């Protein structure tokens, strides 16, 4: 997956987020890898992996369009889907559906997206707590006597 430059462009859309871009790359790689799974797994691991992969990117996008608190919740759902994928990749490898040379990079990509999701959540929590600290308390808004 390509690395971006060190200069940060303004985020106008969820499509500008590197974590969304990398989660889309991971979803695409997941679809490609599961094409080779046994036909009998079409409604098992193939379906589960693909749904989880789509969920990661989709929840980042949906959360971006919502309030800050909802965004954080959507990022947690993304992270849950990501850990689902990791578990399913490991199981797929153990069952021999996914060779180690494919499983390794997919698991590394999951780890990378997970770290990026964690960084984004940390940044948003800091912004959320900054908003709360700037909001005047009811006592400070009360008229003085």
N, C-alpha and C. Protein backbone atom coordinates (compact mmCIF):
# COMPACT_ATOMS: atom_id res chain seq x y z
N UNK A 1 0.84 -1.17 0.00
CA UNK A 1 0.00 0.00 0.00
C UNK A 1 0.89 1.24 0.00
N UNK A 2 0.62 2.19 -0.88
CA UNK A 2 1.50 3.34 -1.04
C UNK A 2 1.51 4.24 0.18
N UNK A 3 2.66 4.83 0.43
CA UNK A 3 2.82 5.79 1.52
C UNK A 3 2.53 7.19 0.98
N UNK A 4 1.92 8.01 1.80
CA UNK A 4 1.63 9.37 1.36
C UNK A 4 2.78 10.29 1.77
N UNK A 5 2.77 11.49 1.22
CA UNK A 5 3.83 12.44 1.54
C UNK A 5 3.66 12.95 2.96
N UNK A 6 4.68 13.60 3.48
CA UNK A 6 4.62 14.09 4.85
C UNK A 6 3.77 15.34 4.98
N UNK A 7 3.55 16.06 3.90
CA UNK A 7 2.70 17.26 3.96
C UNK A 7 1.25 16.82 4.11
N UNK A 8 0.55 17.47 5.02
CA UNK A 8 -0.84 17.09 5.24
C UNK A 8 -1.76 18.08 4.55
N UNK A 9 -2.62 17.55 3.72
CA UNK A 9 -3.61 18.36 3.03
C UNK A 9 -4.83 18.49 3.92
N UNK A 10 -5.61 19.53 3.75
CA UNK A 10 -6.81 19.67 4.58
C UNK A 10 -7.79 18.53 4.31
N UNK A 11 -8.49 18.12 5.35
CA UNK A 11 -9.48 17.05 5.22
C UNK A 11 -10.82 17.68 4.92
N UNK A 12 -11.26 17.52 3.69
CA UNK A 12 -12.56 18.07 3.27
C UNK A 12 -13.62 16.99 3.24
N UNK A 13 -13.18 15.75 3.14
CA UNK A 13 -14.07 14.61 3.00
C UNK A 13 -13.42 13.41 3.66
N UNK A 14 -14.21 12.42 3.98
CA UNK A 14 -13.64 11.17 4.50
C UNK A 14 -12.66 10.57 3.50
N UNK A 15 -12.85 10.84 2.21
CA UNK A 15 -11.95 10.30 1.18
C UNK A 15 -10.54 10.87 1.31
N UNK A 16 -10.38 11.99 2.01
CA UNK A 16 -9.07 12.58 2.23
C UNK A 16 -8.31 11.92 3.38
N UNK A 17 -8.99 11.13 4.18
CA UNK A 17 -8.37 10.49 5.33
C UNK A 17 -7.53 9.29 4.89
N UNK A 18 -6.27 9.27 5.30
CA UNK A 18 -5.39 8.15 4.95
C UNK A 18 -5.92 6.84 5.52
N UNK A 19 -6.53 6.89 6.70
CA UNK A 19 -7.05 5.66 7.30
C UNK A 19 -8.19 5.09 6.46
N UNK A 20 -9.01 5.95 5.87
CA UNK A 20 -10.08 5.47 4.99
C UNK A 20 -9.46 4.89 3.71
N UNK A 21 -8.48 5.58 3.15
CA UNK A 21 -7.83 5.11 1.92
C UNK A 21 -7.20 3.74 2.14
N UNK A 22 -6.51 3.58 3.27
CA UNK A 22 -5.86 2.30 3.54
C UNK A 22 -6.87 1.22 3.87
N UNK A 23 -7.98 1.59 4.48
CA UNK A 23 -9.01 0.58 4.76
C UNK A 23 -9.67 0.13 3.46
N UNK A 24 -9.76 1.04 2.48
CA UNK A 24 -10.28 0.66 1.16
C UNK A 24 -9.29 -0.28 0.46
N UNK A 25 -8.00 0.01 0.57
CA UNK A 25 -6.99 -0.89 0.00
C UNK A 25 -7.08 -2.27 0.64
N UNK A 26 -7.29 -2.30 1.96
CA UNK A 26 -7.41 -3.56 2.68
C UNK A 26 -8.67 -4.31 2.23
N UNK A 27 -9.77 -3.61 2.03
CA UNK A 27 -11.00 -4.25 1.56
C UNK A 27 -10.78 -4.87 0.18
N UNK A 28 -10.12 -4.12 -0.68
CA UNK A 28 -9.84 -4.63 -2.03
C UNK A 28 -8.95 -5.87 -1.95
N UNK A 29 -7.93 -5.83 -1.12
CA UNK A 29 -7.03 -6.98 -0.96
C UNK A 29 -7.78 -8.18 -0.37
N UNK A 30 -8.72 -7.91 0.50
CA UNK A 30 -9.53 -8.98 1.09
C UNK A 30 -10.40 -9.65 0.03
N UNK A 31 -11.02 -8.86 -0.81
CA UNK A 31 -11.82 -9.42 -1.90
C UNK A 31 -10.95 -10.29 -2.82
N UNK A 32 -9.77 -9.80 -3.13
CA UNK A 32 -8.87 -10.56 -4.02
C UNK A 32 -8.44 -11.87 -3.36
N UNK A 33 -8.09 -11.81 -2.10
CA UNK A 33 -7.61 -13.01 -1.39
C UNK A 33 -8.72 -14.04 -1.23
N UNK A 34 -9.94 -13.61 -0.98
CA UNK A 34 -11.03 -14.56 -0.74
C UNK A 34 -11.57 -15.17 -2.03
N UNK A 35 -11.18 -14.64 -3.20
CA UNK A 35 -11.58 -15.26 -4.47
C UNK A 35 -11.06 -16.69 -4.57
N UNK A 36 -9.94 -16.95 -3.91
CA UNK A 36 -9.28 -18.25 -4.00
C UNK A 36 -9.73 -19.23 -2.91
N UNK A 37 -10.63 -18.82 -2.05
CA UNK A 37 -11.11 -19.69 -0.98
C UNK A 37 -11.99 -20.79 -1.59
N UNK A 38 -12.13 -21.90 -0.89
CA UNK A 38 -13.00 -22.97 -1.39
C UNK A 38 -14.44 -22.48 -1.60
N UNK A 39 -15.12 -23.03 -2.61
CA UNK A 39 -16.49 -22.64 -2.92
C UNK A 39 -17.40 -22.86 -1.70
N UNK A 40 -17.10 -23.88 -0.92
CA UNK A 40 -17.89 -24.17 0.28
C UNK A 40 -17.82 -23.09 1.35
N UNK A 41 -16.87 -22.20 1.23
CA UNK A 41 -16.73 -21.10 2.20
C UNK A 41 -17.39 -19.81 1.73
N UNK A 42 -18.07 -19.86 0.58
CA UNK A 42 -18.69 -18.65 0.02
C UNK A 42 -19.62 -17.98 1.05
N UNK A 43 -20.37 -18.78 1.80
CA UNK A 43 -21.30 -18.20 2.77
C UNK A 43 -20.73 -18.26 4.19
N UNK A 44 -19.50 -18.65 4.32
CA UNK A 44 -18.83 -18.71 5.61
C UNK A 44 -17.80 -17.61 5.74
N UNK A 45 -16.54 -18.00 5.72
CA UNK A 45 -15.46 -17.04 5.91
C UNK A 45 -15.40 -15.98 4.81
N UNK A 46 -15.69 -16.35 3.59
CA UNK A 46 -15.63 -15.36 2.49
C UNK A 46 -16.61 -14.23 2.78
N UNK A 47 -17.84 -14.59 3.08
CA UNK A 47 -18.87 -13.58 3.35
C UNK A 47 -18.52 -12.75 4.59
N UNK A 48 -18.08 -13.42 5.64
CA UNK A 48 -17.74 -12.72 6.88
C UNK A 48 -16.59 -11.75 6.68
N UNK A 49 -15.54 -12.20 6.00
CA UNK A 49 -14.38 -11.34 5.77
C UNK A 49 -14.73 -10.14 4.91
N UNK A 50 -15.49 -10.37 3.87
CA UNK A 50 -15.85 -9.27 2.98
C UNK A 50 -16.75 -8.26 3.67
N UNK A 51 -17.71 -8.73 4.44
CA UNK A 51 -18.60 -7.81 5.16
C UNK A 51 -17.82 -6.99 6.18
N UNK A 52 -16.91 -7.63 6.90
CA UNK A 52 -16.11 -6.91 7.89
C UNK A 52 -15.21 -5.88 7.21
N UNK A 53 -14.62 -6.26 6.07
CA UNK A 53 -13.73 -5.34 5.35
C UNK A 53 -14.49 -4.11 4.88
N UNK A 54 -15.67 -4.31 4.35
CA UNK A 54 -16.50 -3.19 3.90
C UNK A 54 -16.93 -2.34 5.10
N UNK A 55 -17.18 -2.98 6.22
CA UNK A 55 -17.63 -2.27 7.42
C UNK A 55 -16.57 -1.31 7.95
N UNK A 56 -15.31 -1.69 7.86
CA UNK A 56 -14.24 -0.81 8.37
C UNK A 56 -14.28 0.53 7.65
N UNK A 57 -14.19 0.50 6.34
CA UNK A 57 -14.18 1.74 5.56
C UNK A 57 -15.52 2.47 5.65
N UNK A 58 -16.61 1.73 5.63
CA UNK A 58 -17.95 2.35 5.66
C UNK A 58 -18.20 3.10 6.95
N UNK A 59 -17.77 2.54 8.07
CA UNK A 59 -18.00 3.22 9.35
C UNK A 59 -17.12 4.45 9.51
N UNK A 60 -15.94 4.43 8.92
CA UNK A 60 -15.11 5.65 8.93
C UNK A 60 -15.84 6.74 8.15
N UNK A 61 -16.36 6.39 6.98
CA UNK A 61 -17.05 7.36 6.14
C UNK A 61 -18.33 7.86 6.82
N UNK A 62 -19.14 6.93 7.33
CA UNK A 62 -20.40 7.35 7.96
C UNK A 62 -20.15 8.21 9.19
N UNK A 63 -19.19 7.82 10.01
CA UNK A 63 -18.89 8.59 11.20
C UNK A 63 -18.42 10.00 10.89
N UNK A 64 -17.68 10.14 9.81
CA UNK A 64 -17.16 11.46 9.42
C UNK A 64 -18.29 12.45 9.15
N UNK A 65 -19.44 11.94 8.75
CA UNK A 65 -20.58 12.80 8.41
C UNK A 65 -21.46 13.08 9.62
N UNK A 66 -21.08 12.63 10.79
CA UNK A 66 -21.91 12.78 11.98
C UNK A 66 -21.23 13.67 13.02
N UNK A 67 -21.88 13.75 14.17
CA UNK A 67 -21.32 14.55 15.28
C UNK A 67 -20.03 13.89 15.77
N UNK A 68 -19.27 14.63 16.53
CA UNK A 68 -17.99 14.13 17.03
C UNK A 68 -18.17 12.88 17.89
N UNK A 69 -19.16 12.87 18.76
CA UNK A 69 -19.41 11.70 19.60
C UNK A 69 -19.80 10.48 18.76
N UNK A 70 -20.67 10.70 17.77
CA UNK A 70 -21.05 9.61 16.88
C UNK A 70 -19.86 9.13 16.06
N UNK A 71 -19.04 10.05 15.64
CA UNK A 71 -17.84 9.71 14.86
C UNK A 71 -16.97 8.75 15.67
N UNK A 72 -16.75 9.09 16.94
CA UNK A 72 -15.94 8.22 17.80
C UNK A 72 -16.56 6.83 17.91
N UNK A 73 -17.88 6.76 18.06
CA UNK A 73 -18.54 5.46 18.15
C UNK A 73 -18.39 4.66 16.84
N UNK A 74 -18.51 5.34 15.71
CA UNK A 74 -18.34 4.65 14.43
C UNK A 74 -16.90 4.14 14.26
N UNK A 75 -15.94 4.89 14.76
CA UNK A 75 -14.55 4.44 14.68
C UNK A 75 -14.33 3.21 15.56
N UNK A 76 -15.04 3.13 16.68
CA UNK A 76 -14.95 1.93 17.52
C UNK A 76 -15.55 0.72 16.80
N UNK A 77 -16.64 0.94 16.08
CA UNK A 77 -17.24 -0.15 15.30
C UNK A 77 -16.26 -0.59 14.21
N UNK A 78 -15.62 0.39 13.55
CA UNK A 78 -14.60 0.06 12.55
C UNK A 78 -13.50 -0.80 13.15
N UNK A 79 -13.06 -0.42 14.33
CA UNK A 79 -12.00 -1.17 14.98
C UNK A 79 -12.47 -2.59 15.32
N UNK A 80 -13.71 -2.73 15.74
CA UNK A 80 -14.26 -4.06 16.01
C UNK A 80 -14.28 -4.92 14.76
N UNK A 81 -14.69 -4.35 13.65
CA UNK A 81 -14.70 -5.08 12.38
C UNK A 81 -13.29 -5.46 11.96
N UNK A 82 -12.35 -4.59 12.24
CA UNK A 82 -10.96 -4.86 11.90
C UNK A 82 -10.41 -6.05 12.70
N UNK A 83 -10.73 -6.11 13.98
CA UNK A 83 -10.26 -7.24 14.79
C UNK A 83 -10.97 -8.53 14.39
N UNK A 84 -12.21 -8.41 13.92
CA UNK A 84 -12.92 -9.55 13.34
C UNK A 84 -12.12 -10.08 12.15
N UNK A 85 -11.71 -9.16 11.28
CA UNK A 85 -10.95 -9.56 10.09
C UNK A 85 -9.65 -10.27 10.48
N UNK A 86 -8.95 -9.72 11.46
CA UNK A 86 -7.69 -10.34 11.88
C UNK A 86 -7.93 -11.78 12.33
N UNK A 87 -8.96 -11.96 13.14
CA UNK A 87 -9.30 -13.30 13.63
C UNK A 87 -9.63 -14.24 12.48
N UNK A 88 -10.39 -13.74 11.52
CA UNK A 88 -10.80 -14.56 10.38
C UNK A 88 -9.63 -14.84 9.44
N UNK A 89 -8.71 -13.90 9.30
CA UNK A 89 -7.49 -14.17 8.51
C UNK A 89 -6.65 -15.25 9.18
N UNK A 90 -6.52 -15.18 10.48
CA UNK A 90 -5.74 -16.18 11.22
C UNK A 90 -6.39 -17.56 11.06
N UNK A 91 -7.71 -17.62 11.22
CA UNK A 91 -8.41 -18.89 11.06
C UNK A 91 -8.27 -19.41 9.63
N UNK A 92 -8.41 -18.51 8.66
CA UNK A 92 -8.26 -18.90 7.26
C UNK A 92 -6.88 -19.48 6.98
N UNK A 93 -5.88 -18.89 7.60
CA UNK A 93 -4.52 -19.39 7.45
C UNK A 93 -4.37 -20.76 8.11
N UNK A 94 -4.92 -20.90 9.30
CA UNK A 94 -4.83 -22.18 10.03
C UNK A 94 -5.54 -23.30 9.28
N UNK A 95 -6.61 -22.94 8.57
CA UNK A 95 -7.36 -23.94 7.80
C UNK A 95 -6.75 -24.21 6.43
N UNK A 96 -5.71 -23.45 6.07
CA UNK A 96 -5.03 -23.65 4.80
C UNK A 96 -5.68 -22.94 3.62
N UNK A 97 -6.65 -22.06 3.89
CA UNK A 97 -7.29 -21.31 2.81
C UNK A 97 -6.46 -20.12 2.37
N UNK A 98 -5.61 -19.65 3.25
CA UNK A 98 -4.82 -18.45 3.01
C UNK A 98 -3.36 -18.78 3.28
N UNK A 99 -2.52 -18.80 2.24
CA UNK A 99 -1.11 -19.12 2.46
C UNK A 99 -0.42 -18.04 3.29
N UNK A 100 0.61 -18.42 4.04
CA UNK A 100 1.32 -17.47 4.91
C UNK A 100 1.81 -16.22 4.18
N UNK A 101 2.23 -16.36 2.93
CA UNK A 101 2.73 -15.19 2.19
C UNK A 101 1.61 -14.20 1.87
N UNK A 102 0.36 -14.63 1.95
CA UNK A 102 -0.77 -13.71 1.80
C UNK A 102 -1.27 -13.25 3.15
N UNK A 103 -1.31 -14.14 4.11
CA UNK A 103 -1.83 -13.81 5.44
C UNK A 103 -0.98 -12.75 6.12
N UNK A 104 0.34 -12.86 6.01
CA UNK A 104 1.24 -11.91 6.66
C UNK A 104 0.96 -10.46 6.27
N UNK A 105 0.97 -10.14 4.98
CA UNK A 105 0.70 -8.75 4.58
C UNK A 105 -0.71 -8.27 4.95
N UNK A 106 -1.68 -9.17 4.88
CA UNK A 106 -3.05 -8.77 5.26
C UNK A 106 -3.12 -8.44 6.75
N UNK A 107 -2.46 -9.25 7.56
CA UNK A 107 -2.46 -8.99 9.00
C UNK A 107 -1.67 -7.72 9.32
N UNK A 108 -0.59 -7.48 8.58
CA UNK A 108 0.18 -6.24 8.77
C UNK A 108 -0.67 -5.02 8.40
N UNK A 109 -1.44 -5.15 7.33
CA UNK A 109 -2.32 -4.05 6.91
C UNK A 109 -3.39 -3.80 7.97
N UNK A 110 -3.93 -4.86 8.55
CA UNK A 110 -4.90 -4.71 9.64
C UNK A 110 -4.28 -3.96 10.81
N UNK A 111 -3.05 -4.34 11.14
CA UNK A 111 -2.35 -3.69 12.24
C UNK A 111 -2.14 -2.20 11.96
N UNK A 112 -1.75 -1.88 10.74
CA UNK A 112 -1.52 -0.48 10.35
C UNK A 112 -2.81 0.33 10.42
N UNK A 113 -3.89 -0.21 9.86
CA UNK A 113 -5.17 0.50 9.90
C UNK A 113 -5.62 0.65 11.36
N UNK A 114 -5.40 -0.36 12.16
CA UNK A 114 -5.76 -0.29 13.58
C UNK A 114 -5.02 0.82 14.31
N UNK A 115 -3.73 0.96 14.02
CA UNK A 115 -2.95 2.04 14.65
C UNK A 115 -3.47 3.40 14.19
N UNK A 116 -3.81 3.51 12.91
CA UNK A 116 -4.32 4.77 12.38
C UNK A 116 -5.69 5.11 12.99
N UNK A 117 -6.54 4.10 13.15
CA UNK A 117 -7.83 4.33 13.80
C UNK A 117 -7.63 4.81 15.23
N UNK A 118 -6.68 4.20 15.92
CA UNK A 118 -6.38 4.62 17.29
C UNK A 118 -5.91 6.06 17.35
N UNK A 119 -5.06 6.44 16.42
CA UNK A 119 -4.57 7.83 16.37
C UNK A 119 -5.68 8.81 16.07
N UNK A 120 -6.57 8.44 15.15
CA UNK A 120 -7.70 9.31 14.83
C UNK A 120 -8.64 9.45 16.02
N UNK A 121 -8.91 8.34 16.70
CA UNK A 121 -9.77 8.40 17.90
C UNK A 121 -9.14 9.29 18.97
N UNK A 122 -7.84 9.17 19.16
CA UNK A 122 -7.15 9.98 20.16
C UNK A 122 -7.26 11.46 19.81
N UNK A 123 -7.06 11.78 18.56
CA UNK A 123 -7.15 13.17 18.10
C UNK A 123 -8.57 13.72 18.28
N UNK A 124 -9.56 12.91 17.94
CA UNK A 124 -10.95 13.37 18.09
C UNK A 124 -11.36 13.51 19.55
N UNK A 125 -10.87 12.60 20.40
CA UNK A 125 -11.17 12.72 21.84
C UNK A 125 -10.57 13.99 22.40
N UNK A 126 -9.37 14.36 21.95
CA UNK A 126 -8.73 15.60 22.41
C UNK A 126 -9.55 16.80 21.96
N UNK A 127 -10.05 16.75 20.74
CA UNK A 127 -10.88 17.85 20.23
C UNK A 127 -12.19 17.92 21.01
N UNK A 128 -12.75 16.76 21.32
CA UNK A 128 -14.00 16.72 22.07
C UNK A 128 -13.81 17.26 23.48
N UNK A 129 -12.72 16.90 24.13
CA UNK A 129 -12.49 17.40 25.49
C UNK A 129 -12.16 18.89 25.46
N UNK A 130 -11.53 19.37 24.39
CA UNK A 130 -11.28 20.80 24.23
C UNK A 130 -12.56 21.58 24.11
N UNK A 131 -13.53 21.03 23.40
CA UNK A 131 -14.83 21.69 23.28
C UNK A 131 -15.54 21.76 24.62
N UNK A 132 -15.44 20.70 25.36
CA UNK A 132 -16.11 20.66 26.66
C UNK A 132 -15.51 21.66 27.63
N UNK A 133 -14.18 21.82 27.57
CA UNK A 133 -13.54 22.74 28.51
C UNK A 133 -13.82 24.20 28.15
N UNK A 134 -14.16 24.47 26.90
CA UNK A 134 -14.47 25.84 26.49
C UNK A 134 -15.93 26.19 26.72
N UNK A 135 -16.78 25.19 26.95
CA UNK A 135 -18.19 25.44 27.17
C UNK A 135 -18.37 25.98 28.59
N UNK A 136 -18.96 27.17 28.73
CA UNK A 136 -19.14 27.72 30.07
C UNK A 136 -20.10 26.87 30.89
N UNK A 137 -19.81 26.75 32.16
CA UNK A 137 -20.68 26.00 33.05
C UNK A 137 -21.95 26.80 33.32
N UNK A 138 -23.03 26.15 33.73
CA UNK A 138 -24.27 26.88 34.03
C UNK A 138 -24.06 27.96 35.11
N UNK A 139 -23.16 27.68 36.06
CA UNK A 139 -22.91 28.66 37.11
C UNK A 139 -22.28 29.92 36.57
N UNK A 140 -21.41 29.79 35.59
CA UNK A 140 -20.73 30.97 35.05
C UNK A 140 -21.66 31.80 34.17
N UNK A 141 -22.75 31.20 33.70
CA UNK A 141 -23.69 31.94 32.86
C UNK A 141 -24.79 32.59 33.69
N UNK A 142 -24.89 32.20 34.94
CA UNK A 142 -25.94 32.77 35.79
C UNK A 142 -25.66 34.24 36.06
N UNK A 143 -26.72 35.06 36.10
CA UNK A 143 -26.51 36.49 36.39
C UNK A 143 -25.96 36.67 37.81
N UNK A 144 -25.07 37.63 37.93
CA UNK A 144 -24.47 37.91 39.25
C UNK A 144 -25.41 38.81 40.05
N UNK A 145 -25.42 38.56 41.33
CA UNK A 145 -26.29 39.37 42.19
C UNK A 145 -25.50 40.21 43.15
